[in-house]
C-alpha cells in the first residue's frame, strides 16, 4: 500500500515539471515581446536596445533561445506521454 501512495504523489509532480518547462518557455516569449516594445518606444535607454553587444541585445537573445528550447520541449514531452 505505501508504494501506491508514493506513485500517486509522483505522477502529478511529473506533469508539473512539464508544465513548468512550458511556462518558462512562454515567459521567454513574453520577455522577447517586451524587449521589442522597449526598443520601439525607447524604454530603458540604458539597455541600448538594438545595439550589438549591449545588455538589451543579450537579454533578447537569451530569452528567445530559452523560449525556443523550453516551450517545444515541454510540449513534445507532453505529447509523447499521452
PDB file of N, CA and C in Angstrom:
ATOM      1  N   UNK A   1       0.799  -1.197   0.000  1.00  0.00           N
ATOM      2  CA  UNK A   1       0.000   0.000   0.000  1.00  0.00           C
ATOM      3  C   UNK A   1       0.850   1.273   0.000  1.00  0.00           C
ATOM      4  N   UNK A   2       1.949   1.350   0.740  1.00  0.00           N
ATOM      5  CA  UNK A   2       2.740   2.582   0.704  1.00  0.00           C
ATOM      6  C   UNK A   2       3.288   2.892  -0.685  1.00  0.00           C
ATOM      7  N   UNK A   3       3.580   1.876  -1.490  1.00  0.00           N
ATOM      8  CA  UNK A   3       4.103   2.122  -2.842  1.00  0.00           C
ATOM      9  C   UNK A   3       3.053   2.817  -3.701  1.00  0.00           C
ATOM     10  N   UNK A   4       1.795   2.474  -3.525  1.00  0.00           N
ATOM     11  CA  UNK A   4       0.729   3.107  -4.307  1.00  0.00           C
ATOM     12  C   UNK A   4       0.607   4.575  -3.930  1.00  0.00           C
ATOM     13  N   UNK A   5       0.710   4.873  -2.651  1.00  0.00           N
ATOM     14  CA  UNK A   5       0.669   6.266  -2.209  1.00  0.00           C
ATOM     15  C   UNK A   5       1.825   7.074  -2.770  1.00  0.00           C
ATOM     16  N   UNK A   6       3.003   6.468  -2.823  1.00  0.00           N
ATOM     17  CA  UNK A   6       4.171   7.146  -3.397  1.00  0.00           C
ATOM     18  C   UNK A   6       3.949   7.398  -4.880  1.00  0.00           C
ATOM     19  N   UNK A   7       3.365   6.424  -5.575  1.00  0.00           N
ATOM     20  CA  UNK A   7       3.115   6.563  -7.002  1.00  0.00           C
ATOM     21  C   UNK A   7       2.088   7.663  -7.265  1.00  0.00           C
ATOM     22  N   UNK A   8       1.064   7.752  -6.449  1.00  0.00           N
ATOM     23  CA  UNK A   8       0.051   8.789  -6.629  1.00  0.00           C
ATOM     24  C   UNK A   8       0.641  10.186  -6.478  1.00  0.00           C
ATOM     25  N   UNK A   9       1.562  10.346  -5.568  1.00  0.00           N
ATOM     26  CA  UNK A   9       2.191  11.660  -5.387  1.00  0.00           C
ATOM     27  C   UNK A   9       3.205  11.945  -6.480  1.00  0.00           C
ATOM     28  N   UNK A  10       3.807  10.938  -7.037  1.00  0.00           N
ATOM     29  CA  UNK A  10       4.881  11.107  -8.020  1.00  0.00           C
ATOM     30  C   UNK A  10       4.338  11.511  -9.396  1.00  0.00           C
ATOM     31  N   UNK A  11       3.190  11.009  -9.794  1.00  0.00           N
ATOM     32  CA  UNK A  11       2.647  11.293 -11.129  1.00  0.00           C
ATOM     33  C   UNK A  11       2.328  12.778 -11.313  1.00  0.00           C
ATOM     34  N   UNK A  12       1.632  13.441 -10.396  1.00  0.00           N
ATOM     35  CA  UNK A  12       1.392  14.873 -10.607  1.00  0.00           C
ATOM     36  C   UNK A  12       2.674  15.704 -10.650  1.00  0.00           C
ATOM     37  N   UNK A  13       3.715  15.301  -9.945  1.00  0.00           N
ATOM     38  CA  UNK A  13       4.965  16.052  -9.969  1.00  0.00           C
ATOM     39  C   UNK A  13       5.576  16.038 -11.372  1.00  0.00           C
ATOM     40  N   UNK A  14       5.473  14.930 -12.075  1.00  0.00           N
ATOM     41  CA  UNK A  14       5.999  14.856 -13.440  1.00  0.00           C
ATOM     42  C   UNK A  14       5.232  15.799 -14.359  1.00  0.00           C
ATOM     43  N   UNK A  15       3.929  15.833 -14.223  1.00  0.00           N
ATOM     44  CA  UNK A  15       3.130  16.736 -15.054  1.00  0.00           C
ATOM     45  C   UNK A  15       3.454  18.191 -14.730  1.00  0.00           C
ATOM     46  N   UNK A  16       3.701  18.471 -13.458  1.00  0.00           N
ATOM     47  CA  UNK A  16       4.057  19.833 -13.080  1.00  0.00           C
ATOM     48  C   UNK A  16       5.384  20.251 -13.693  1.00  0.00           C
ATOM     49  N   UNK A  17       6.327  19.336 -13.791  1.00  0.00           N
ATOM     50  CA  UNK A  17       7.619  19.664 -14.403  1.00  0.00           C
ATOM     51  C   UNK A  17       7.445  20.026 -15.871  1.00  0.00           C
ATOM     52  N   UNK A  18       6.606  19.275 -16.559  1.00  0.00           N
ATOM     53  CA  UNK A  18       6.349  19.566 -17.974  1.00  0.00           C
ATOM     54  C   UNK A  18       5.676  20.921 -18.108  1.00  0.00           C
ATOM     55  N   UNK A  19       4.729  21.193 -17.249  1.00  0.00           N
ATOM     56  CA  UNK A  19       4.043  22.487 -17.287  1.00  0.00           C
ATOM     57  C   UNK A  19       5.007  23.630 -16.968  1.00  0.00           C
ATOM     58  N   UNK A  20       5.926  23.388 -16.063  1.00  0.00           N
ATOM     59  CA  UNK A  20       6.923  24.415 -15.740  1.00  0.00           C
ATOM     60  C   UNK A  20       7.830  24.706 -16.926  1.00  0.00           C
ATOM     61  N   UNK A  21       8.212  23.673 -17.660  1.00  0.00           N
ATOM     62  CA  UNK A  21       9.011  23.888 -18.869  1.00  0.00           C
ATOM     63  C   UNK A  21       8.265  24.773 -19.860  1.00  0.00           C
ATOM     64  N   UNK A  22       6.988  24.451 -20.070  1.00  0.00           N
ATOM     65  CA  UNK A  22       6.189  25.243 -20.999  1.00  0.00           C
ATOM     66  C   UNK A  22       6.000  26.664 -20.478  1.00  0.00           C
ATOM     67  N   UNK A  23       5.799  26.809 -19.198  1.00  0.00           N
ATOM     68  CA  UNK A  23       5.621  28.137 -18.619  1.00  0.00           C
ATOM     69  C   UNK A  23       6.890  28.975 -18.741  1.00  0.00           C
ATOM     70  N   UNK A  24       8.038  28.377 -18.486  1.00  0.00           N
ATOM     71  CA  UNK A  24       9.295  29.105 -18.655  1.00  0.00           C
ATOM     72  C   UNK A  24       9.513  29.490 -20.114  1.00  0.00           C
ATOM     73  N   UNK A  25       9.158  28.609 -21.025  1.00  0.00           N
ATOM     74  CA  UNK A  25       9.268  28.926 -22.444  1.00  0.00           C
ATOM     75  C   UNK A  25       8.342  30.059 -22.839  1.00  0.00           C
ATOM     76  N   UNK A  26       7.112  30.016 -22.357  1.00  0.00           N
ATOM     77  CA  UNK A  26       6.166  31.094 -22.653  1.00  0.00           C
ATOM     78  C   UNK A  26       6.628  32.408 -22.025  1.00  0.00           C
ATOM     79  N   UNK A  27       7.239  32.334 -20.862  1.00  0.00           N
ATOM     80  CA  UNK A  27       7.786  33.542 -20.233  1.00  0.00           C
ATOM     81  C   UNK A  27       8.913  34.124 -21.074  1.00  0.00           C
ATOM     82  N   UNK A  28       9.713  33.263 -21.667  1.00  0.00           N
ATOM     83  CA  UNK A  28      10.765  33.731 -22.563  1.00  0.00           C
ATOM     84  C   UNK A  28      10.188  34.479 -23.753  1.00  0.00           C
ATOM     85  N   UNK A  29       9.090  33.965 -24.319  1.00  0.00           N
ATOM     86  CA  UNK A  29       8.428  34.672 -25.420  1.00  0.00           C
ATOM     87  C   UNK A  29       7.914  36.030 -24.961  1.00  0.00           C
ATOM     88  N   UNK A  30       7.381  36.096 -23.737  1.00  0.00           N
ATOM     89  CA  UNK A  30       6.893  37.369 -23.212  1.00  0.00           C
ATOM     90  C   UNK A  30       8.031  38.372 -23.057  1.00  0.00           C
ATOM     91  N   UNK A  31       9.194  37.912 -22.630  1.00  0.00           N
ATOM     92  CA  UNK A  31      10.349  38.806 -22.497  1.00  0.00           C
ATOM     93  C   UNK A  31      10.787  39.310 -23.872  1.00  0.00           C
ATOM     94  N   UNK A  32      10.755  38.446 -24.876  1.00  0.00           N
ATOM     95  CA  UNK A  32      11.104  38.870 -26.238  1.00  0.00           C
ATOM     96  C   UNK A  32      10.149  39.972 -26.705  1.00  0.00           C
ATOM     97  N   UNK A  33       8.870  39.788 -26.465  1.00  0.00           N
ATOM     98  CA  UNK A  33       7.889  40.802 -26.850  1.00  0.00           C
ATOM     99  C   UNK A  33       8.159  42.105 -26.098  1.00  0.00           C
ATOM    100  N   UNK A  34       8.441  42.012 -24.803  1.00  0.00           N
ATOM    101  CA  UNK A  34       8.735  43.210 -24.023  1.00  0.00           C
ATOM    102  C   UNK A  34       9.966  43.933 -24.554  1.00  0.00           C
ATOM    103  N   UNK A  35      11.016  43.188 -24.890  1.00  0.00           N
ATOM    104  CA  UNK A  35      12.231  43.840 -25.382  1.00  0.00           C
ATOM    105  C   UNK A  35      11.979  44.555 -26.702  1.00  0.00           C
ATOM    106  N   UNK A  36      11.129  43.990 -27.533  1.00  0.00           N
ATOM    107  CA  UNK A  36      10.835  44.655 -28.805  1.00  0.00           C
ATOM    108  C   UNK A  36       9.989  45.908 -28.587  1.00  0.00           C
ATOM    109  N   UNK A  37       9.050  45.869 -27.646  1.00  0.00           N
ATOM    110  CA  UNK A  37       8.298  47.078 -27.305  1.00  0.00           C
ATOM    111  C   UNK A  37       9.213  48.131 -26.690  1.00  0.00           C
ATOM    112  N   UNK A  38      10.114  47.688 -25.834  1.00  0.00           N
ATOM    113  CA  UNK A  38      11.046  48.628 -25.199  1.00  0.00           C
ATOM    114  C   UNK A  38      11.941  49.287 -26.246  1.00  0.00           C
ATOM    115  N   UNK A  39      12.338  48.520 -27.242  1.00  0.00           N
ATOM    116  CA  UNK A  39      13.151  49.092 -28.321  1.00  0.00           C
ATOM    117  C   UNK A  39      12.328  50.075 -29.155  1.00  0.00           C
ATOM    118  N   UNK A  40      11.087  49.715 -29.439  1.00  0.00           N
ATOM    119  CA  UNK A  40      10.234  50.562 -30.276  1.00  0.00           C
ATOM    120  C   UNK A  40       9.913  51.890 -29.582  1.00  0.00           C
ATOM    121  N   UNK A  41       9.610  51.854 -28.294  1.00  0.00           N
ATOM    122  CA  UNK A  41       9.207  53.060 -27.568  1.00  0.00           C
ATOM    123  C   UNK A  41      10.352  53.692 -26.781  1.00  0.00           C
ATOM    124  N   UNK A  42      11.551  53.186 -26.954  1.00  0.00           N
ATOM    125  CA  UNK A  42      12.755  53.705 -26.304  1.00  0.00           C
ATOM    126  C   UNK A  42      12.618  53.731 -24.780  1.00  0.00           C
ATOM    127  N   UNK A  43      12.109  52.620 -24.243  1.00  0.00           N
ATOM    128  CA  UNK A  43      12.016  52.452 -22.785  1.00  0.00           C
ATOM    129  C   UNK A  43      13.362  51.945 -22.279  1.00  0.00           C
ATOM    130  N   UNK A  44      13.744  52.321 -21.102  1.00  0.00           N
ATOM    131  CA  UNK A  44      15.005  51.907 -20.501  1.00  0.00           C
ATOM    132  C   UNK A  44      16.180  52.114 -21.468  1.00  0.00           C
ATOM    133  N   UNK A  45      16.496  53.346 -21.788  1.00  0.00           N
ATOM    134  CA  UNK A  45      17.543  53.604 -22.780  1.00  0.00           C
ATOM    135  C   UNK A  45      18.920  53.092 -22.370  1.00  0.00           C
ATOM    136  N   UNK A  46      19.142  52.867 -21.107  1.00  0.00           N
ATOM    137  CA  UNK A  46      20.421  52.341 -20.653  1.00  0.00           C
ATOM    138  C   UNK A  46      20.702  50.930 -21.157  1.00  0.00           C
ATOM    139  N   UNK A  47      19.672  50.227 -21.576  1.00  0.00           N
ATOM    140  CA  UNK A  47      19.859  48.875 -22.114  1.00  0.00           C
ATOM    141  C   UNK A  47      20.362  48.908 -23.554  1.00  0.00           C
ATOM    142  N   UNK A  48      20.329  50.059 -24.185  1.00  0.00           N
ATOM    143  CA  UNK A  48      20.795  50.264 -25.566  1.00  0.00           C
ATOM    144  C   UNK A  48      20.188  49.229 -26.508  1.00  0.00           C
ATOM    145  N   UNK A  49      18.852  49.207 -26.538  1.00  0.00           N
ATOM    146  CA  UNK A  49      18.124  48.252 -27.363  1.00  0.00           C
ATOM    147  C   UNK A  49      18.549  48.378 -28.822  1.00  0.00           C
ATOM    148  N   UNK A  50      18.692  47.278 -29.509  1.00  0.00           N
ATOM    149  CA  UNK A  50      19.010  47.254 -30.921  1.00  0.00           C
ATOM    150  C   UNK A  50      20.476  47.437 -31.247  1.00  0.00           C
ATOM    151  N   UNK A  51      21.315  47.627 -30.247  1.00  0.00           N
ATOM    152  CA  UNK A  51      22.751  47.803 -30.466  1.00  0.00           C
ATOM    153  C   UNK A  51      23.444  46.462 -30.179  1.00  0.00           C
ATOM    154  N   UNK A  52      24.311  46.064 -31.103  1.00  0.00           N
ATOM    155  CA  UNK A  52      25.030  44.802 -30.888  1.00  0.00           C
ATOM    156  C   UNK A  52      25.923  44.908 -29.645  1.00  0.00           C
ATOM    157  N   UNK A  53      26.116  43.809 -28.959  1.00  0.00           N
ATOM    158  CA  UNK A  53      26.931  43.726 -27.744  1.00  0.00           C
ATOM    159  C   UNK A  53      26.421  44.609 -26.611  1.00  0.00           C
ATOM    160  N   UNK A  54      25.105  44.798 -26.559  1.00  0.00           N
ATOM    161  CA  UNK A  54      24.521  45.575 -25.465  1.00  0.00           C
ATOM    162  C   UNK A  54      23.740  44.625 -24.553  1.00  0.00           C
ATOM    163  N   UNK A  55      23.462  45.047 -23.324  1.00  0.00           N
ATOM    164  CA  UNK A  55      22.675  44.179 -22.427  1.00  0.00           C
ATOM    165  C   UNK A  55      21.292  43.849 -22.993  1.00  0.00           C
ATOM    166  N   UNK A  56      20.675  44.813 -23.666  1.00  0.00           N
ATOM    167  CA  UNK A  56      19.353  44.569 -24.255  1.00  0.00           C
ATOM    168  C   UNK A  56      19.402  43.504 -25.336  1.00  0.00           C
ATOM    169  N   UNK A  57      20.451  43.531 -26.121  1.00  0.00           N
ATOM    170  CA  UNK A  57      20.618  42.530 -27.184  1.00  0.00           C
ATOM    171  C   UNK A  57      20.747  41.138 -26.576  1.00  0.00           C
ATOM    172  N   UNK A  58      21.558  41.007 -25.545  1.00  0.00           N
ATOM    173  CA  UNK A  58      21.770  39.695 -24.947  1.00  0.00           C
ATOM    174  C   UNK A  58      20.549  39.214 -24.161  1.00  0.00           C
ATOM    175  N   UNK A  59      19.801  40.118 -23.572  1.00  0.00           N
ATOM    176  CA  UNK A  59      18.554  39.734 -22.903  1.00  0.00           C
ATOM    177  C   UNK A  59      17.571  39.190 -23.925  1.00  0.00           C
ATOM    178  N   UNK A  60      17.434  39.873 -25.045  1.00  0.00           N
ATOM    179  CA  UNK A  60      16.542  39.430 -26.110  1.00  0.00           C
ATOM    180  C   UNK A  60      16.991  38.078 -26.656  1.00  0.00           C
ATOM    181  N   UNK A  61      18.264  37.935 -26.913  1.00  0.00           N
ATOM    182  CA  UNK A  61      18.795  36.688 -27.467  1.00  0.00           C
ATOM    183  C   UNK A  61      18.616  35.523 -26.498  1.00  0.00           C
ATOM    184  N   UNK A  62      18.978  35.720 -25.245  1.00  0.00           N
ATOM    185  CA  UNK A  62      18.881  34.640 -24.263  1.00  0.00           C
ATOM    186  C   UNK A  62      17.435  34.208 -24.040  1.00  0.00           C
ATOM    187  N   UNK A  63      16.522  35.172 -23.967  1.00  0.00           N
ATOM    188  CA  UNK A  63      15.122  34.805 -23.749  1.00  0.00           C
ATOM    189  C   UNK A  63      14.538  34.119 -24.977  1.00  0.00           C
ATOM    190  N   UNK A  64      14.962  34.506 -26.176  1.00  0.00           N
ATOM    191  CA  UNK A  64      14.487  33.830 -27.383  1.00  0.00           C
ATOM    192  C   UNK A  64      14.997  32.396 -27.433  1.00  0.00           C
ATOM    193  N   UNK A  65      16.258  32.192 -27.090  1.00  0.00           N
ATOM    194  CA  UNK A  65      16.814  30.834 -27.094  1.00  0.00           C
ATOM    195  C   UNK A  65      16.107  29.965 -26.058  1.00  0.00           C
ATOM    196  N   UNK A  66      15.888  30.504 -24.863  1.00  0.00           N
ATOM    197  CA  UNK A  66      15.162  29.738 -23.840  1.00  0.00           C
ATOM    198  C   UNK A  66      13.750  29.412 -24.291  1.00  0.00           C
ATOM    199  N   UNK A  67      13.075  30.393 -24.856  1.00  0.00           N
ATOM    200  CA  UNK A  67      11.700  30.177 -25.291  1.00  0.00           C
ATOM    201  C   UNK A  67      11.626  29.115 -26.385  1.00  0.00           C
ATOM    202  N   UNK A  68      12.529  29.198 -27.350  1.00  0.00           N
ATOM    203  CA  UNK A  68      12.503  28.254 -28.463  1.00  0.00           C
ATOM    204  C   UNK A  68      13.036  26.879 -28.081  1.00  0.00           C
ATOM    205  N   UNK A  69      13.615  26.760 -26.909  1.00  0.00           N
ATOM    206  CA  UNK A  69      14.085  25.465 -26.434  1.00  0.00           C
ATOM    207  C   UNK A  69      13.090  24.835 -25.457  1.00  0.00           C
ATOM    208  N   UNK A  70      12.684  25.591 -24.455  1.00  0.00           N
ATOM    209  CA  UNK A  70      11.874  25.019 -23.378  1.00  0.00           C
ATOM    210  C   UNK A  70      10.416  24.772 -23.770  1.00  0.00           C
ATOM    211  N   UNK A  71       9.807  25.704 -24.458  1.00  0.00           N
ATOM    212  CA  UNK A  71       8.383  25.536 -24.779  1.00  0.00           C
ATOM    213  C   UNK A  71       8.145  24.321 -25.678  1.00  0.00           C
ATOM    214  N   UNK A  72       8.864  24.189 -26.805  1.00  0.00           N
ATOM    215  CA  UNK A  72       8.640  22.987 -27.624  1.00  0.00           C
ATOM    216  C   UNK A  72       9.049  21.691 -26.923  1.00  0.00           C
ATOM    217  N   UNK A  73      10.081  21.746 -26.080  1.00  0.00           N
ATOM    218  CA  UNK A  73      10.494  20.552 -25.351  1.00  0.00           C
ATOM    219  C   UNK A  73       9.384  20.088 -24.414  1.00  0.00           C
ATOM    220  N   UNK A  74       8.809  21.019 -23.663  1.00  0.00           N
ATOM    221  CA  UNK A  74       7.708  20.676 -22.777  1.00  0.00           C
ATOM    222  C   UNK A  74       6.509  20.143 -23.539  1.00  0.00           C
ATOM    223  N   UNK A  75       6.207  20.762 -24.677  1.00  0.00           N
ATOM    224  CA  UNK A  75       5.076  20.308 -25.483  1.00  0.00           C
ATOM    225  C   UNK A  75       5.336  18.906 -26.044  1.00  0.00           C
ATOM    226  N   UNK A  76       6.555  18.669 -26.518  1.00  0.00           N
ATOM    227  CA  UNK A  76       6.898  17.375 -27.090  1.00  0.00           C
ATOM    228  C   UNK A  76       6.821  16.274 -26.037  1.00  0.00           C
ATOM    229  N   UNK A  77       7.349  16.538 -24.862  1.00  0.00           N
ATOM    230  CA  UNK A  77       7.291  15.543 -23.781  1.00  0.00           C
ATOM    231  C   UNK A  77       5.835  15.256 -23.416  1.00  0.00           C
ATOM    232  N   UNK A  78       5.039  16.303 -23.328  1.00  0.00           N
ATOM    233  CA  UNK A  78       3.617  16.139 -23.022  1.00  0.00           C
ATOM    234  C   UNK A  78       2.921  15.306 -24.090  1.00  0.00           C
ATOM    235  N   UNK A  79       3.202  15.587 -25.361  1.00  0.00           N
ATOM    236  CA  UNK A  79       2.556  14.854 -26.456  1.00  0.00           C
ATOM    237  C   UNK A  79       2.990  13.393 -26.499  1.00  0.00           C
ATOM    238  N   UNK A  80       4.250  13.124 -26.212  1.00  0.00           N
ATOM    239  CA  UNK A  80       4.740  11.755 -26.260  1.00  0.00           C
ATOM    240  C   UNK A  80       4.232  10.897 -25.104  1.00  0.00           C
ATOM    241  N   UNK A  81       3.885  11.514 -24.005  1.00  0.00           N
ATOM    242  CA  UNK A  81       3.410  10.753 -22.836  1.00  0.00           C
ATOM    243  C   UNK A  81       1.939  10.451 -22.894  1.00  0.00           C
ATOM    244  N   UNK A  82       1.233  11.009 -23.827  1.00  0.00           N
ATOM    245  CA  UNK A  82      -0.220  10.746 -23.894  1.00  0.00           C
ATOM    246  C   UNK A  82      -0.548   9.614 -24.787  1.00  0.00           C
TER     247      UNK A  82
END
